Amino acid sequence: MKSVLVVDDNQINIMIASHMLESAYEVTTATSGEAALEALAQKHFNLVLLDVLMPGMDGFETLEKIKTHDDWKDIPVIFLTADVEDDTVERAQQSGITDIIEKPFKKDIFLAKVKEVIG
C-alpha cells in the first residue's frame, strides 16, 4: 500500500484528509514541519501533503529541507493551503512542489490530485 504523510497544524484538516485517504493509502500525520522531517527520517513516503502556513517551520521551509535531502528530494509534495493568491502560487511552483490543493478540501478534487500523483 502506498504511504502518504499529511502535515498540517490544524487537527480538523488532518482528520478530514486522513479520512479521505485511509481506504486507499497508509496515512501518517504530523502537526509541524519539524515533525514531518522526523517522520521522513523514519519511513519512506510516496507523497507528502504539506500545509503552507504553520507556526515554527512553515511549509516553504519544510519543502526546502525535503528537496535538498538526498533521500527525500524525489518525493512528490502537494501544498495544502487556503492562500491561493497569485504570489503564493507562483512562489510554491518555483519551490518545486508537485501541485496545490486548496482548503477547504473538496473531496473529488483532493482525491483526484493525489491519485494523479501516486496512483
N, C-alpha and C. Protein backbone atom coordinates (compact mmCIF):
# COMPACT_ATOMS: atom_id res chain seq x y z
N MET A 1 0.85 -1.18 0.00
CA MET A 1 0.00 0.00 0.00
C MET A 1 0.89 1.24 0.00
N LYS A 2 0.55 2.21 -0.81
CA LYS A 2 1.33 3.44 -0.88
C LYS A 2 1.07 4.27 0.37
N SER A 3 2.11 5.04 0.76
CA SER A 3 2.01 5.80 2.01
C SER A 3 2.05 7.30 1.75
N VAL A 4 1.23 8.00 2.55
CA VAL A 4 1.10 9.45 2.43
C VAL A 4 1.36 10.07 3.80
N LEU A 5 2.18 11.12 3.81
CA LEU A 5 2.41 11.90 5.02
C LEU A 5 1.58 13.18 4.91
N VAL A 6 0.66 13.37 5.85
CA VAL A 6 -0.18 14.57 5.89
C VAL A 6 0.36 15.48 6.99
N VAL A 7 0.74 16.69 6.61
CA VAL A 7 1.33 17.64 7.55
C VAL A 7 0.46 18.89 7.62
N ASP A 8 -0.11 19.14 8.79
CA ASP A 8 -0.96 20.32 8.99
C ASP A 8 -1.02 20.59 10.48
N ASP A 9 -1.00 21.86 10.86
CA ASP A 9 -1.07 22.20 12.29
C ASP A 9 -2.51 22.21 12.80
N ASN A 10 -3.47 22.03 11.92
CA ASN A 10 -4.87 22.02 12.30
C ASN A 10 -5.38 20.58 12.33
N GLN A 11 -5.77 20.12 13.51
CA GLN A 11 -6.21 18.73 13.67
C GLN A 11 -7.44 18.39 12.82
N ILE A 12 -8.31 19.36 12.62
CA ILE A 12 -9.50 19.10 11.80
C ILE A 12 -9.09 18.81 10.35
N ASN A 13 -8.15 19.59 9.82
CA ASN A 13 -7.67 19.33 8.46
C ASN A 13 -7.00 17.96 8.36
N ILE A 14 -6.24 17.59 9.39
CA ILE A 14 -5.60 16.27 9.41
C ILE A 14 -6.66 15.18 9.41
N MET A 15 -7.69 15.34 10.23
CA MET A 15 -8.75 14.34 10.30
C MET A 15 -9.48 14.20 8.97
N ILE A 16 -9.80 15.33 8.34
CA ILE A 16 -10.51 15.30 7.05
C ILE A 16 -9.65 14.62 5.98
N ALA A 17 -8.39 15.04 5.87
CA ALA A 17 -7.51 14.47 4.86
C ALA A 17 -7.29 12.97 5.11
N SER A 18 -7.04 12.62 6.36
CA SER A 18 -6.80 11.21 6.70
C SER A 18 -8.02 10.36 6.37
N HIS A 19 -9.18 10.86 6.70
CA HIS A 19 -10.41 10.11 6.44
C HIS A 19 -10.60 9.87 4.94
N MET A 20 -10.29 10.87 4.12
CA MET A 20 -10.46 10.73 2.68
C MET A 20 -9.44 9.75 2.08
N LEU A 21 -8.28 9.63 2.72
CA LEU A 21 -7.20 8.82 2.15
C LEU A 21 -7.12 7.40 2.69
N GLU A 22 -7.61 7.18 3.91
CA GLU A 22 -7.29 5.94 4.63
C GLU A 22 -7.78 4.65 3.98
N SER A 23 -8.76 4.71 3.12
CA SER A 23 -9.22 3.47 2.48
C SER A 23 -8.28 3.01 1.37
N ALA A 24 -7.49 3.92 0.81
CA ALA A 24 -6.63 3.57 -0.32
C ALA A 24 -5.13 3.69 -0.03
N TYR A 25 -4.79 4.39 1.06
CA TYR A 25 -3.38 4.66 1.34
C TYR A 25 -3.10 4.49 2.83
N GLU A 26 -1.83 4.21 3.13
CA GLU A 26 -1.39 4.20 4.52
C GLU A 26 -1.07 5.65 4.88
N VAL A 27 -1.72 6.18 5.89
CA VAL A 27 -1.60 7.60 6.23
C VAL A 27 -0.85 7.78 7.54
N THR A 28 0.14 8.66 7.51
CA THR A 28 0.86 9.09 8.70
C THR A 28 0.64 10.59 8.79
N THR A 29 0.52 11.12 10.00
CA THR A 29 0.27 12.55 10.16
C THR A 29 1.37 13.21 11.00
N ALA A 30 1.53 14.50 10.76
CA ALA A 30 2.45 15.33 11.54
C ALA A 30 1.82 16.71 11.66
N THR A 31 2.06 17.36 12.80
CA THR A 31 1.43 18.66 13.04
C THR A 31 2.40 19.83 12.92
N SER A 32 3.61 19.57 12.42
CA SER A 32 4.58 20.66 12.24
C SER A 32 5.60 20.24 11.19
N GLY A 33 6.33 21.22 10.69
CA GLY A 33 7.40 20.91 9.75
C GLY A 33 8.47 20.05 10.39
N GLU A 34 8.79 20.35 11.63
CA GLU A 34 9.80 19.58 12.35
C GLU A 34 9.37 18.12 12.49
N ALA A 35 8.11 17.90 12.85
CA ALA A 35 7.58 16.54 12.99
C ALA A 35 7.55 15.83 11.65
N ALA A 36 7.30 16.57 10.58
CA ALA A 36 7.30 15.98 9.24
C ALA A 36 8.69 15.44 8.89
N LEU A 37 9.72 16.23 9.19
CA LEU A 37 11.08 15.79 8.90
C LEU A 37 11.45 14.57 9.72
N GLU A 38 10.99 14.52 10.96
CA GLU A 38 11.22 13.34 11.80
C GLU A 38 10.54 12.11 11.20
N ALA A 39 9.32 12.27 10.72
CA ALA A 39 8.60 11.16 10.11
C ALA A 39 9.31 10.68 8.84
N LEU A 40 9.79 11.62 8.04
CA LEU A 40 10.51 11.27 6.82
C LEU A 40 11.80 10.51 7.12
N ALA A 41 12.42 10.82 8.24
CA ALA A 41 13.65 10.14 8.63
C ALA A 41 13.39 8.70 9.06
N GLN A 42 12.15 8.42 9.47
CA GLN A 42 11.80 7.09 9.98
C GLN A 42 11.23 6.15 8.92
N LYS A 43 10.66 6.71 7.85
CA LYS A 43 9.89 5.89 6.93
C LYS A 43 9.89 6.50 5.53
N HIS A 44 9.72 5.65 4.52
CA HIS A 44 9.59 6.14 3.15
C HIS A 44 8.12 6.48 2.87
N PHE A 45 7.90 7.62 2.24
CA PHE A 45 6.55 8.04 1.84
C PHE A 45 6.52 8.22 0.34
N ASN A 46 5.36 7.90 -0.26
CA ASN A 46 5.16 8.09 -1.69
C ASN A 46 4.71 9.51 -2.01
N LEU A 47 4.18 10.21 -0.99
CA LEU A 47 3.66 11.57 -1.19
C LEU A 47 3.63 12.29 0.14
N VAL A 48 3.92 13.60 0.10
CA VAL A 48 3.76 14.46 1.26
C VAL A 48 2.72 15.52 0.92
N LEU A 49 1.69 15.60 1.75
CA LEU A 49 0.70 16.68 1.66
C LEU A 49 1.06 17.67 2.75
N LEU A 50 1.46 18.87 2.36
CA LEU A 50 2.13 19.81 3.28
C LEU A 50 1.40 21.14 3.37
N ASP A 51 0.97 21.47 4.58
CA ASP A 51 0.35 22.77 4.84
C ASP A 51 1.40 23.87 4.63
N VAL A 52 0.98 24.99 4.08
CA VAL A 52 1.89 26.10 3.86
C VAL A 52 2.08 26.92 5.13
N LEU A 53 0.98 27.32 5.77
CA LEU A 53 1.06 28.20 6.93
C LEU A 53 1.01 27.40 8.22
N MET A 54 2.18 27.29 8.86
CA MET A 54 2.29 26.61 10.15
C MET A 54 3.21 27.43 11.03
N PRO A 55 2.99 27.37 12.35
CA PRO A 55 3.93 28.05 13.25
C PRO A 55 5.28 27.35 13.22
N GLY A 56 6.32 28.07 13.56
CA GLY A 56 7.66 27.48 13.52
C GLY A 56 8.09 27.34 12.08
N MET A 57 8.45 26.14 11.68
CA MET A 57 8.88 25.88 10.31
C MET A 57 7.65 25.80 9.40
N ASP A 58 7.53 26.79 8.50
CA ASP A 58 6.36 26.79 7.61
C ASP A 58 6.55 25.80 6.46
N GLY A 59 5.56 25.71 5.60
CA GLY A 59 5.61 24.76 4.50
C GLY A 59 6.75 25.01 3.54
N PHE A 60 7.06 26.27 3.26
CA PHE A 60 8.15 26.58 2.33
C PHE A 60 9.49 26.12 2.89
N GLU A 61 9.73 26.37 4.17
CA GLU A 61 10.98 25.95 4.80
C GLU A 61 11.07 24.42 4.86
N THR A 62 9.95 23.79 5.20
CA THR A 62 9.92 22.32 5.24
C THR A 62 10.18 21.74 3.85
N LEU A 63 9.54 22.32 2.85
CA LEU A 63 9.74 21.87 1.47
C LEU A 63 11.21 22.00 1.06
N GLU A 64 11.83 23.10 1.42
CA GLU A 64 13.24 23.31 1.08
C GLU A 64 14.11 22.20 1.69
N LYS A 65 13.83 21.84 2.93
CA LYS A 65 14.60 20.78 3.59
C LYS A 65 14.35 19.42 2.92
N ILE A 66 13.11 19.19 2.50
CA ILE A 66 12.79 17.93 1.80
C ILE A 66 13.53 17.88 0.47
N LYS A 67 13.46 18.96 -0.29
CA LYS A 67 14.01 18.97 -1.64
C LYS A 67 15.55 19.00 -1.67
N THR A 68 16.19 19.34 -0.57
CA THR A 68 17.65 19.35 -0.54
C THR A 68 18.22 18.13 0.16
N HIS A 69 17.38 17.23 0.62
CA HIS A 69 17.83 15.99 1.27
C HIS A 69 17.91 14.89 0.22
N ASP A 70 19.05 14.22 0.14
CA ASP A 70 19.26 13.20 -0.91
C ASP A 70 18.21 12.10 -0.91
N ASP A 71 17.76 11.68 0.27
CA ASP A 71 16.81 10.57 0.35
C ASP A 71 15.36 10.99 0.08
N TRP A 72 15.07 12.28 0.17
CA TRP A 72 13.68 12.76 0.08
C TRP A 72 13.39 13.61 -1.14
N LYS A 73 14.42 14.06 -1.83
CA LYS A 73 14.25 15.08 -2.87
C LYS A 73 13.30 14.68 -4.00
N ASP A 74 13.12 13.39 -4.22
CA ASP A 74 12.25 12.95 -5.31
C ASP A 74 10.83 12.63 -4.86
N ILE A 75 10.53 12.80 -3.59
CA ILE A 75 9.17 12.56 -3.10
C ILE A 75 8.28 13.71 -3.57
N PRO A 76 7.17 13.41 -4.23
CA PRO A 76 6.26 14.49 -4.62
C PRO A 76 5.65 15.16 -3.39
N VAL A 77 5.51 16.47 -3.48
CA VAL A 77 4.93 17.27 -2.39
C VAL A 77 3.79 18.10 -2.97
N ILE A 78 2.63 17.98 -2.34
CA ILE A 78 1.48 18.80 -2.70
C ILE A 78 1.21 19.75 -1.54
N PHE A 79 1.17 21.03 -1.83
CA PHE A 79 0.85 22.02 -0.80
C PHE A 79 -0.65 22.02 -0.51
N LEU A 80 -0.97 22.16 0.76
CA LEU A 80 -2.34 22.35 1.22
C LEU A 80 -2.44 23.79 1.71
N THR A 81 -3.32 24.58 1.11
CA THR A 81 -3.38 25.99 1.51
C THR A 81 -4.73 26.63 1.18
N ALA A 82 -5.10 27.59 2.01
CA ALA A 82 -6.27 28.42 1.73
C ALA A 82 -5.83 29.67 0.96
N ASP A 83 -4.51 29.91 0.94
CA ASP A 83 -3.95 31.10 0.29
C ASP A 83 -3.58 30.77 -1.15
N VAL A 84 -4.50 31.02 -2.05
CA VAL A 84 -4.24 30.74 -3.47
C VAL A 84 -4.04 32.04 -4.26
N GLU A 85 -3.51 33.04 -3.56
CA GLU A 85 -3.15 34.29 -4.24
C GLU A 85 -2.04 34.01 -5.24
N ASP A 86 -1.97 34.79 -6.31
CA ASP A 86 -1.01 34.55 -7.38
C ASP A 86 0.43 34.47 -6.88
N ASP A 87 0.82 35.37 -5.94
CA ASP A 87 2.20 35.37 -5.48
C ASP A 87 2.54 34.10 -4.69
N THR A 88 1.60 33.59 -3.91
CA THR A 88 1.83 32.36 -3.16
C THR A 88 1.93 31.17 -4.11
N VAL A 89 1.03 31.10 -5.08
CA VAL A 89 1.04 30.01 -6.05
C VAL A 89 2.33 30.04 -6.86
N GLU A 90 2.74 31.22 -7.30
CA GLU A 90 3.97 31.34 -8.09
C GLU A 90 5.18 30.93 -7.26
N ARG A 91 5.26 31.40 -6.03
CA ARG A 91 6.37 31.03 -5.15
C ARG A 91 6.39 29.52 -4.92
N ALA A 92 5.22 28.94 -4.72
CA ALA A 92 5.12 27.50 -4.49
C ALA A 92 5.61 26.72 -5.71
N GLN A 93 5.19 27.13 -6.89
CA GLN A 93 5.60 26.44 -8.11
C GLN A 93 7.10 26.55 -8.33
N GLN A 94 7.67 27.69 -8.00
CA GLN A 94 9.12 27.88 -8.15
C GLN A 94 9.90 27.07 -7.11
N SER A 95 9.23 26.69 -6.01
CA SER A 95 9.89 25.95 -4.94
C SER A 95 9.98 24.45 -5.22
N GLY A 96 9.32 23.99 -6.26
CA GLY A 96 9.42 22.59 -6.63
C GLY A 96 8.28 21.70 -6.17
N ILE A 97 7.14 22.30 -5.83
CA ILE A 97 6.01 21.46 -5.44
C ILE A 97 5.41 20.77 -6.67
N THR A 98 4.69 19.72 -6.40
CA THR A 98 4.05 18.96 -7.47
C THR A 98 2.70 19.57 -7.85
N ASP A 99 1.96 20.04 -6.82
CA ASP A 99 0.62 20.60 -7.06
C ASP A 99 0.18 21.35 -5.81
N ILE A 100 -1.00 21.95 -5.89
CA ILE A 100 -1.60 22.66 -4.76
C ILE A 100 -3.03 22.16 -4.60
N ILE A 101 -3.43 21.88 -3.37
CA ILE A 101 -4.82 21.57 -3.06
C ILE A 101 -5.33 22.68 -2.17
N GLU A 102 -6.42 23.29 -2.60
CA GLU A 102 -6.98 24.42 -1.88
C GLU A 102 -7.85 23.95 -0.71
N LYS A 103 -7.72 24.67 0.41
CA LYS A 103 -8.59 24.46 1.57
C LYS A 103 -9.74 25.45 1.46
N PRO A 104 -10.92 25.10 1.91
CA PRO A 104 -11.32 23.79 2.43
C PRO A 104 -11.30 22.75 1.32
N PHE A 105 -10.98 21.51 1.71
CA PHE A 105 -10.85 20.43 0.74
C PHE A 105 -12.17 20.09 0.08
N LYS A 106 -12.12 19.88 -1.23
CA LYS A 106 -13.24 19.33 -1.99
C LYS A 106 -12.84 17.90 -2.31
N LYS A 107 -13.57 16.94 -1.77
CA LYS A 107 -13.16 15.54 -1.80
C LYS A 107 -12.78 15.05 -3.20
N ASP A 108 -13.59 15.35 -4.20
CA ASP A 108 -13.31 14.84 -5.54
C ASP A 108 -12.00 15.40 -6.10
N ILE A 109 -11.76 16.69 -5.89
CA ILE A 109 -10.52 17.32 -6.37
C ILE A 109 -9.32 16.79 -5.57
N PHE A 110 -9.49 16.72 -4.26
CA PHE A 110 -8.44 16.23 -3.36
C PHE A 110 -7.97 14.84 -3.80
N LEU A 111 -8.92 13.93 -3.92
CA LEU A 111 -8.57 12.54 -4.27
C LEU A 111 -8.02 12.44 -5.70
N ALA A 112 -8.55 13.21 -6.60
CA ALA A 112 -8.06 13.18 -8.00
C ALA A 112 -6.61 13.62 -8.09
N LYS A 113 -6.26 14.66 -7.34
CA LYS A 113 -4.89 15.15 -7.37
C LYS A 113 -3.92 14.15 -6.74
N VAL A 114 -4.33 13.54 -5.64
CA VAL A 114 -3.48 12.53 -5.01
C VAL A 114 -3.31 11.34 -5.95
N LYS A 115 -4.40 10.87 -6.52
CA LYS A 115 -4.35 9.71 -7.42
C LYS A 115 -3.51 10.01 -8.65
N GLU A 116 -3.59 11.23 -9.15
CA GLU A 116 -2.81 11.62 -10.32
C GLU A 116 -1.31 11.51 -10.04
N VAL A 117 -0.92 11.83 -8.83
CA VAL A 117 0.49 11.84 -8.46
C VAL A 117 1.03 10.46 -8.11
N ILE A 118 0.27 9.69 -7.32
CA ILE A 118 0.80 8.39 -6.86
C ILE A 118 -0.05 7.19 -7.21
N GLY A 119 -1.16 7.41 -7.85
CA GLY A 119 -2.00 6.29 -8.27
C GLY A 119 -2.94 5.79 -7.22
